[in-house]
Amino acid sequence: MNPSKEFIFFVYLLECYARYKGLEAESVLRTWKEHGVVDLIYRMYPYYHVEDLHNAYDDIDDLLECHQG
């Protein structure tokens, strides 16, 4: 079974965001889970994959701020 395009993009976004923040992807994923935003970020695929990744990074930062663990 092949992974979905949403999953592939989610992993790509996770890795890029981690690199942008100077962190390990594992640490970023843990933070996203602690803040309860993993599903929100995953479901944003229709928007994030067509825009500049920095817009997604800003949105993720806002989500983290609004959803304090």
PDB file of N, CA and C in Angstrom:
ATOM      1  N   MET A   1       0.837  -1.179   0.000  1.00  0.00           N
ATOM      2  CA  MET A   1       0.000   0.000   0.000  1.00  0.00           C
ATOM      3  C   MET A   1       0.883   1.245   0.000  1.00  0.00           C
ATOM      4  N   ASN A   2       0.569   2.176  -0.867  1.00  0.00           N
ATOM      5  CA  ASN A   2       1.347   3.408  -0.970  1.00  0.00           C
ATOM      6  C   ASN A   2       0.788   4.470  -0.026  1.00  0.00           C
ATOM      7  N   PRO A   3       1.673   5.273   0.559  1.00  0.00           N
ATOM      8  CA  PRO A   3       1.192   6.342   1.431  1.00  0.00           C
ATOM      9  C   PRO A   3       0.424   7.384   0.607  1.00  0.00           C
ATOM     10  N   SER A   4      -0.525   8.043   1.228  1.00  0.00           N
ATOM     11  CA  SER A   4      -1.331   9.054   0.540  1.00  0.00           C
ATOM     12  C   SER A   4      -0.492  10.297   0.261  1.00  0.00           C
ATOM     13  N   LYS A   5      -0.955  11.093  -0.689  1.00  0.00           N
ATOM     14  CA  LYS A   5      -0.257  12.346  -0.992  1.00  0.00           C
ATOM     15  C   LYS A   5      -0.290  13.280   0.215  1.00  0.00           C
ATOM     16  N   GLU A   6      -1.361  13.199   1.007  1.00  0.00           N
ATOM     17  CA  GLU A   6      -1.446  14.011   2.213  1.00  0.00           C
ATOM     18  C   GLU A   6      -0.373  13.610   3.231  1.00  0.00           C
ATOM     19  N   PHE A   7      -0.183  12.301   3.388  1.00  0.00           N
ATOM     20  CA  PHE A   7       0.827  11.824   4.330  1.00  0.00           C
ATOM     21  C   PHE A   7       2.230  12.202   3.862  1.00  0.00           C
ATOM     22  N   ILE A   8       2.490  12.020   2.589  1.00  0.00           N
ATOM     23  CA  ILE A   8       3.806  12.360   2.044  1.00  0.00           C
ATOM     24  C   ILE A   8       4.092  13.844   2.258  1.00  0.00           C
ATOM     25  N   PHE A   9       3.106  14.687   1.987  1.00  0.00           N
ATOM     26  CA  PHE A   9       3.304  16.122   2.184  1.00  0.00           C
ATOM     27  C   PHE A   9       3.467  16.456   3.663  1.00  0.00           C
ATOM     28  N   PHE A  10       2.702  15.801   4.531  1.00  0.00           N
ATOM     29  CA  PHE A  10       2.816  16.046   5.971  1.00  0.00           C
ATOM     30  C   PHE A  10       4.242  15.782   6.444  1.00  0.00           C
ATOM     31  N   VAL A  11       4.817  14.683   6.021  1.00  0.00           N
ATOM     32  CA  VAL A  11       6.194  14.350   6.412  1.00  0.00           C
ATOM     33  C   VAL A  11       7.167  15.384   5.847  1.00  0.00           C
ATOM     34  N   TYR A  12       6.949  15.766   4.597  1.00  0.00           N
ATOM     35  CA  TYR A  12       7.785  16.792   3.968  1.00  0.00           C
ATOM     36  C   TYR A  12       7.696  18.105   4.756  1.00  0.00           C
ATOM     37  N   LEU A  13       6.469  18.516   5.082  1.00  0.00           N
ATOM     38  CA  LEU A  13       6.259  19.750   5.835  1.00  0.00           C
ATOM     39  C   LEU A  13       6.915  19.669   7.210  1.00  0.00           C
ATOM     40  N   LEU A  14       6.765  18.547   7.870  1.00  0.00           N
ATOM     41  CA  LEU A  14       7.387  18.334   9.176  1.00  0.00           C
ATOM     42  C   LEU A  14       8.901  18.495   9.089  1.00  0.00           C
ATOM     43  N   GLU A  15       9.510  17.844   8.109  1.00  0.00           N
ATOM     44  CA  GLU A  15      10.964  17.915   7.946  1.00  0.00           C
ATOM     45  C   GLU A  15      11.417  19.332   7.610  1.00  0.00           C
ATOM     46  N   CYS A  16      10.695  20.004   6.717  1.00  0.00           N
ATOM     47  CA  CYS A  16      11.061  21.371   6.334  1.00  0.00           C
ATOM     48  C   CYS A  16      10.892  22.340   7.490  1.00  0.00           C
ATOM     49  N   TYR A  17       9.798  22.204   8.221  1.00  0.00           N
ATOM     50  CA  TYR A  17       9.551  23.070   9.376  1.00  0.00           C
ATOM     51  C   TYR A  17      10.640  22.866  10.425  1.00  0.00           C
ATOM     52  N   ALA A  18      10.991  21.629  10.670  1.00  0.00           N
ATOM     53  CA  ALA A  18      12.041  21.331  11.651  1.00  0.00           C
ATOM     54  C   ALA A  18      13.367  21.966  11.216  1.00  0.00           C
ATOM     55  N   ARG A  19      13.717  21.823   9.960  1.00  0.00           N
ATOM     56  CA  ARG A  19      14.959  22.415   9.452  1.00  0.00           C
ATOM     57  C   ARG A  19      14.910  23.940   9.587  1.00  0.00           C
ATOM     58  N   TYR A  20      13.776  24.533   9.254  1.00  0.00           N
ATOM     59  CA  TYR A  20      13.588  25.982   9.340  1.00  0.00           C
ATOM     60  C   TYR A  20      13.772  26.471  10.781  1.00  0.00           C
ATOM     61  N   LYS A  21      13.314  25.695  11.738  1.00  0.00           N
ATOM     62  CA  LYS A  21      13.406  26.062  13.148  1.00  0.00           C
ATOM     63  C   LYS A  21      14.719  25.618  13.791  1.00  0.00           C
ATOM     64  N   GLY A  22      15.530  24.849  13.054  1.00  0.00           N
ATOM     65  CA  GLY A  22      16.794  24.366  13.601  1.00  0.00           C
ATOM     66  C   GLY A  22      16.605  23.267  14.632  1.00  0.00           C
ATOM     67  N   LEU A  23      15.547  22.462  14.443  1.00  0.00           N
ATOM     68  CA  LEU A  23      15.213  21.400  15.384  1.00  0.00           C
ATOM     69  C   LEU A  23      15.180  20.050  14.679  1.00  0.00           C
ATOM     70  N   GLU A  24      15.129  19.000  15.470  1.00  0.00           N
ATOM     71  CA  GLU A  24      14.942  17.657  14.939  1.00  0.00           C
ATOM     72  C   GLU A  24      13.455  17.435  14.675  1.00  0.00           C
ATOM     73  N   ALA A  25      13.139  16.719  13.606  1.00  0.00           N
ATOM     74  CA  ALA A  25      11.743  16.451  13.254  1.00  0.00           C
ATOM     75  C   ALA A  25      11.014  15.725  14.383  1.00  0.00           C
ATOM     76  N   GLU A  26      11.693  14.828  15.049  1.00  0.00           N
ATOM     77  CA  GLU A  26      11.083  14.086  16.166  1.00  0.00           C
ATOM     78  C   GLU A  26      10.626  15.045  17.270  1.00  0.00           C
ATOM     79  N   SER A  27      11.443  16.033  17.561  1.00  0.00           N
ATOM     80  CA  SER A  27      11.110  17.024  18.581  1.00  0.00           C
ATOM     81  C   SER A  27       9.915  17.869  18.148  1.00  0.00           C
ATOM     82  N   VAL A  28       9.894  18.262  16.884  1.00  0.00           N
ATOM     83  CA  VAL A  28       8.784  19.061  16.365  1.00  0.00           C
ATOM     84  C   VAL A  28       7.487  18.257  16.436  1.00  0.00           C
ATOM     85  N   LEU A  29       7.525  17.007  16.007  1.00  0.00           N
ATOM     86  CA  LEU A  29       6.329  16.172  16.044  1.00  0.00           C
ATOM     87  C   LEU A  29       5.834  16.009  17.481  1.00  0.00           C
ATOM     88  N   ARG A  30       6.742  15.835  18.404  1.00  0.00           N
ATOM     89  CA  ARG A  30       6.366  15.711  19.812  1.00  0.00           C
ATOM     90  C   ARG A  30       5.662  16.995  20.289  1.00  0.00           C
ATOM     91  N   THR A  31       6.204  18.136  19.908  1.00  0.00           N
ATOM     92  CA  THR A  31       5.590  19.417  20.274  1.00  0.00           C
ATOM     93  C   THR A  31       4.200  19.546  19.654  1.00  0.00           C
ATOM     94  N   TRP A  32       4.074  19.187  18.385  1.00  0.00           N
ATOM     95  CA  TRP A  32       2.769  19.253  17.724  1.00  0.00           C
ATOM     96  C   TRP A  32       1.760  18.354  18.436  1.00  0.00           C
ATOM     97  N   LYS A  33       2.209  17.169  18.835  1.00  0.00           N
ATOM     98  CA  LYS A  33       1.310  16.254  19.554  1.00  0.00           C
ATOM     99  C   LYS A  33       0.912  16.833  20.908  1.00  0.00           C
ATOM    100  N   GLU A  34       1.877  17.385  21.627  1.00  0.00           N
ATOM    101  CA  GLU A  34       1.601  17.959  22.949  1.00  0.00           C
ATOM    102  C   GLU A  34       0.588  19.098  22.859  1.00  0.00           C
ATOM    103  N   HIS A  35       0.624  19.831  21.768  1.00  0.00           N
ATOM    104  CA  HIS A  35      -0.295  20.956  21.576  1.00  0.00           C
ATOM    105  C   HIS A  35      -1.604  20.529  20.885  1.00  0.00           C
ATOM    106  N   GLY A  36      -1.670  19.280  20.476  1.00  0.00           N
ATOM    107  CA  GLY A  36      -2.886  18.767  19.854  1.00  0.00           C
ATOM    108  C   GLY A  36      -3.183  19.336  18.479  1.00  0.00           C
ATOM    109  N   VAL A  37      -2.132  19.623  17.711  1.00  0.00           N
ATOM    110  CA  VAL A  37      -2.347  20.244  16.397  1.00  0.00           C
ATOM    111  C   VAL A  37      -1.978  19.340  15.218  1.00  0.00           C
ATOM    112  N   VAL A  38      -1.589  18.120  15.465  1.00  0.00           N
ATOM    113  CA  VAL A  38      -1.177  17.228  14.380  1.00  0.00           C
ATOM    114  C   VAL A  38      -2.299  17.060  13.360  1.00  0.00           C
ATOM    115  N   ASP A  39      -3.499  16.734  13.820  1.00  0.00           N
ATOM    116  CA  ASP A  39      -4.612  16.532  12.896  1.00  0.00           C
ATOM    117  C   ASP A  39      -4.963  17.813  12.153  1.00  0.00           C
ATOM    118  N   LEU A  40      -4.919  18.933  12.847  1.00  0.00           N
ATOM    119  CA  LEU A  40      -5.198  20.217  12.187  1.00  0.00           C
ATOM    120  C   LEU A  40      -4.209  20.480  11.060  1.00  0.00           C
ATOM    121  N   ILE A  41      -2.933  20.273  11.338  1.00  0.00           N
ATOM    122  CA  ILE A  41      -1.899  20.494  10.329  1.00  0.00           C
ATOM    123  C   ILE A  41      -2.085  19.516   9.167  1.00  0.00           C
ATOM    124  N   TYR A  42      -2.352  18.270   9.466  1.00  0.00           N
ATOM    125  CA  TYR A  42      -2.548  17.245   8.428  1.00  0.00           C
ATOM    126  C   TYR A  42      -3.717  17.621   7.518  1.00  0.00           C
ATOM    127  N   ARG A  43      -4.797  18.104   8.109  1.00  0.00           N
ATOM    128  CA  ARG A  43      -5.995  18.447   7.332  1.00  0.00           C
ATOM    129  C   ARG A  43      -5.839  19.729   6.525  1.00  0.00           C
ATOM    130  N   MET A  44      -4.789  20.487   6.777  1.00  0.00           N
ATOM    131  CA  MET A  44      -4.550  21.716   6.020  1.00  0.00           C
ATOM    132  C   MET A  44      -3.856  21.461   4.691  1.00  0.00           C
ATOM    133  N   TYR A  45      -3.649  20.199   4.342  1.00  0.00           N
ATOM    134  CA  TYR A  45      -2.996  19.840   3.088  1.00  0.00           C
ATOM    135  C   TYR A  45      -3.524  20.619   1.887  1.00  0.00           C
ATOM    136  N   PRO A  46      -4.856  20.733   1.696  1.00  0.00           N
ATOM    137  CA  PRO A  46      -5.344  21.432   0.502  1.00  0.00           C
ATOM    138  C   PRO A  46      -4.833  22.870   0.385  1.00  0.00           C
ATOM    139  N   TYR A  47      -4.500  23.474   1.501  1.00  0.00           N
ATOM    140  CA  TYR A  47      -4.019  24.853   1.506  1.00  0.00           C
ATOM    141  C   TYR A  47      -2.494  24.927   1.514  1.00  0.00           C
ATOM    142  N   TYR A  48      -1.886  24.154   2.398  1.00  0.00           N
ATOM    143  CA  TYR A  48      -0.440  24.235   2.570  1.00  0.00           C
ATOM    144  C   TYR A  48       0.339  23.795   1.331  1.00  0.00           C
ATOM    145  N   HIS A  49      -0.153  22.825   0.604  1.00  0.00           N
ATOM    146  CA  HIS A  49       0.654  22.310  -0.502  1.00  0.00           C
ATOM    147  C   HIS A  49       0.654  23.226  -1.725  1.00  0.00           C
ATOM    148  N   VAL A  50      -0.194  24.252  -1.728  1.00  0.00           N
ATOM    149  CA  VAL A  50      -0.239  25.157  -2.879  1.00  0.00           C
ATOM    150  C   VAL A  50       0.305  26.546  -2.560  1.00  0.00           C
ATOM    151  N   GLU A  51       0.734  26.760  -1.335  1.00  0.00           N
ATOM    152  CA  GLU A  51       1.241  28.076  -0.971  1.00  0.00           C
ATOM    153  C   GLU A  51       2.702  27.985  -0.568  1.00  0.00           C
ATOM    154  N   ASP A  52       3.318  29.123  -0.414  1.00  0.00           N
ATOM    155  CA  ASP A  52       4.698  29.189   0.050  1.00  0.00           C
ATOM    156  C   ASP A  52       4.781  28.530   1.428  1.00  0.00           C
ATOM    157  N   LEU A  53       5.783  27.695   1.623  1.00  0.00           N
ATOM    158  CA  LEU A  53       5.899  26.983   2.899  1.00  0.00           C
ATOM    159  C   LEU A  53       6.037  27.922   4.091  1.00  0.00           C
ATOM    160  N   HIS A  54       6.597  29.092   3.877  1.00  0.00           N
ATOM    161  CA  HIS A  54       6.737  30.025   4.993  1.00  0.00           C
ATOM    162  C   HIS A  54       5.373  30.476   5.509  1.00  0.00           C
ATOM    163  N   ASN A  55       4.373  30.514   4.648  1.00  0.00           N
ATOM    164  CA  ASN A  55       3.015  30.809   5.110  1.00  0.00           C
ATOM    165  C   ASN A  55       2.523  29.689   6.017  1.00  0.00           C
ATOM    166  N   ALA A  56       2.826  28.459   5.652  1.00  0.00           N
ATOM    167  CA  ALA A  56       2.450  27.316   6.489  1.00  0.00           C
ATOM    168  C   ALA A  56       3.189  27.383   7.825  1.00  0.00           C
ATOM    169  N   TYR A  57       4.472  27.735   7.789  1.00  0.00           N
ATOM    170  CA  TYR A  57       5.240  27.838   9.035  1.00  0.00           C
ATOM    171  C   TYR A  57       4.603  28.876   9.964  1.00  0.00           C
ATOM    172  N   ASP A  58       4.244  30.021   9.401  1.00  0.00           N
ATOM    173  CA  ASP A  58       3.611  31.070  10.213  1.00  0.00           C
ATOM    174  C   ASP A  58       2.289  30.575  10.795  1.00  0.00           C
ATOM    175  N   ASP A  59       1.522  29.872   9.983  1.00  0.00           N
ATOM    176  CA  ASP A  59       0.247  29.341  10.443  1.00  0.00           C
ATOM    177  C   ASP A  59       0.454  28.325  11.561  1.00  0.00           C
ATOM    178  N   ILE A  60       1.431  27.461  11.401  1.00  0.00           N
ATOM    179  CA  ILE A  60       1.733  26.452  12.430  1.00  0.00           C
ATOM    180  C   ILE A  60       2.162  27.136  13.722  1.00  0.00           C
ATOM    181  N   ASP A  61       2.977  28.162  13.607  1.00  0.00           N
ATOM    182  CA  ASP A  61       3.387  28.916  14.819  1.00  0.00           C
ATOM    183  C   ASP A  61       2.157  29.501  15.512  1.00  0.00           C
ATOM    184  N   ASP A  62       1.221  30.039  14.737  1.00  0.00           N
ATOM    185  CA  ASP A  62      -0.011  30.585  15.309  1.00  0.00           C
ATOM    186  C   ASP A  62      -0.841  29.481  15.975  1.00  0.00           C
ATOM    187  N   LEU A  63      -0.928  28.321  15.334  1.00  0.00           N
ATOM    188  CA  LEU A  63      -1.661  27.199  15.920  1.00  0.00           C
ATOM    189  C   LEU A  63      -1.055  26.789  17.251  1.00  0.00           C
ATOM    190  N   LEU A  64       0.260  26.711  17.297  1.00  0.00           N
ATOM    191  CA  LEU A  64       0.948  26.334  18.536  1.00  0.00           C
ATOM    192  C   LEU A  64       0.690  27.346  19.642  1.00  0.00           C
ATOM    193  N   GLU A  65       0.659  28.611  19.268  1.00  0.00           N
ATOM    194  CA  GLU A  65       0.407  29.649  20.261  1.00  0.00           C
ATOM    195  C   GLU A  65      -1.032  29.577  20.793  1.00  0.00           C
ATOM    196  N   CYS A  66      -1.960  29.270  19.906  1.00  0.00           N
ATOM    197  CA  CYS A  66      -3.379  29.206  20.297  1.00  0.00           C
ATOM    198  C   CYS A  66      -3.727  27.928  21.036  1.00  0.00           C
ATOM    199  N   HIS A  67      -2.973  26.866  20.811  1.00  0.00           N
ATOM    200  CA  HIS A  67      -3.267  25.564  21.408  1.00  0.00           C
ATOM    201  C   HIS A  67      -2.158  25.166  22.378  1.00  0.00           C
ATOM    202  N   GLN A  68      -1.959  25.969  23.366  1.00  0.00           N
ATOM    203  CA  GLN A  68      -0.952  25.657  24.382  1.00  0.00           C
ATOM    204  C   GLN A  68      -1.324  24.348  25.068  1.00  0.00           C
ATOM    205  N   GLY A  69      -0.338  23.424  25.118  1.00  0.00           N
ATOM    206  CA  GLY A  69      -0.535  22.112  25.707  1.00  0.00           C
ATOM    207  C   GLY A  69      -1.034  22.188  27.077  1.00  0.00           C
TER     208      GLY A  69
END
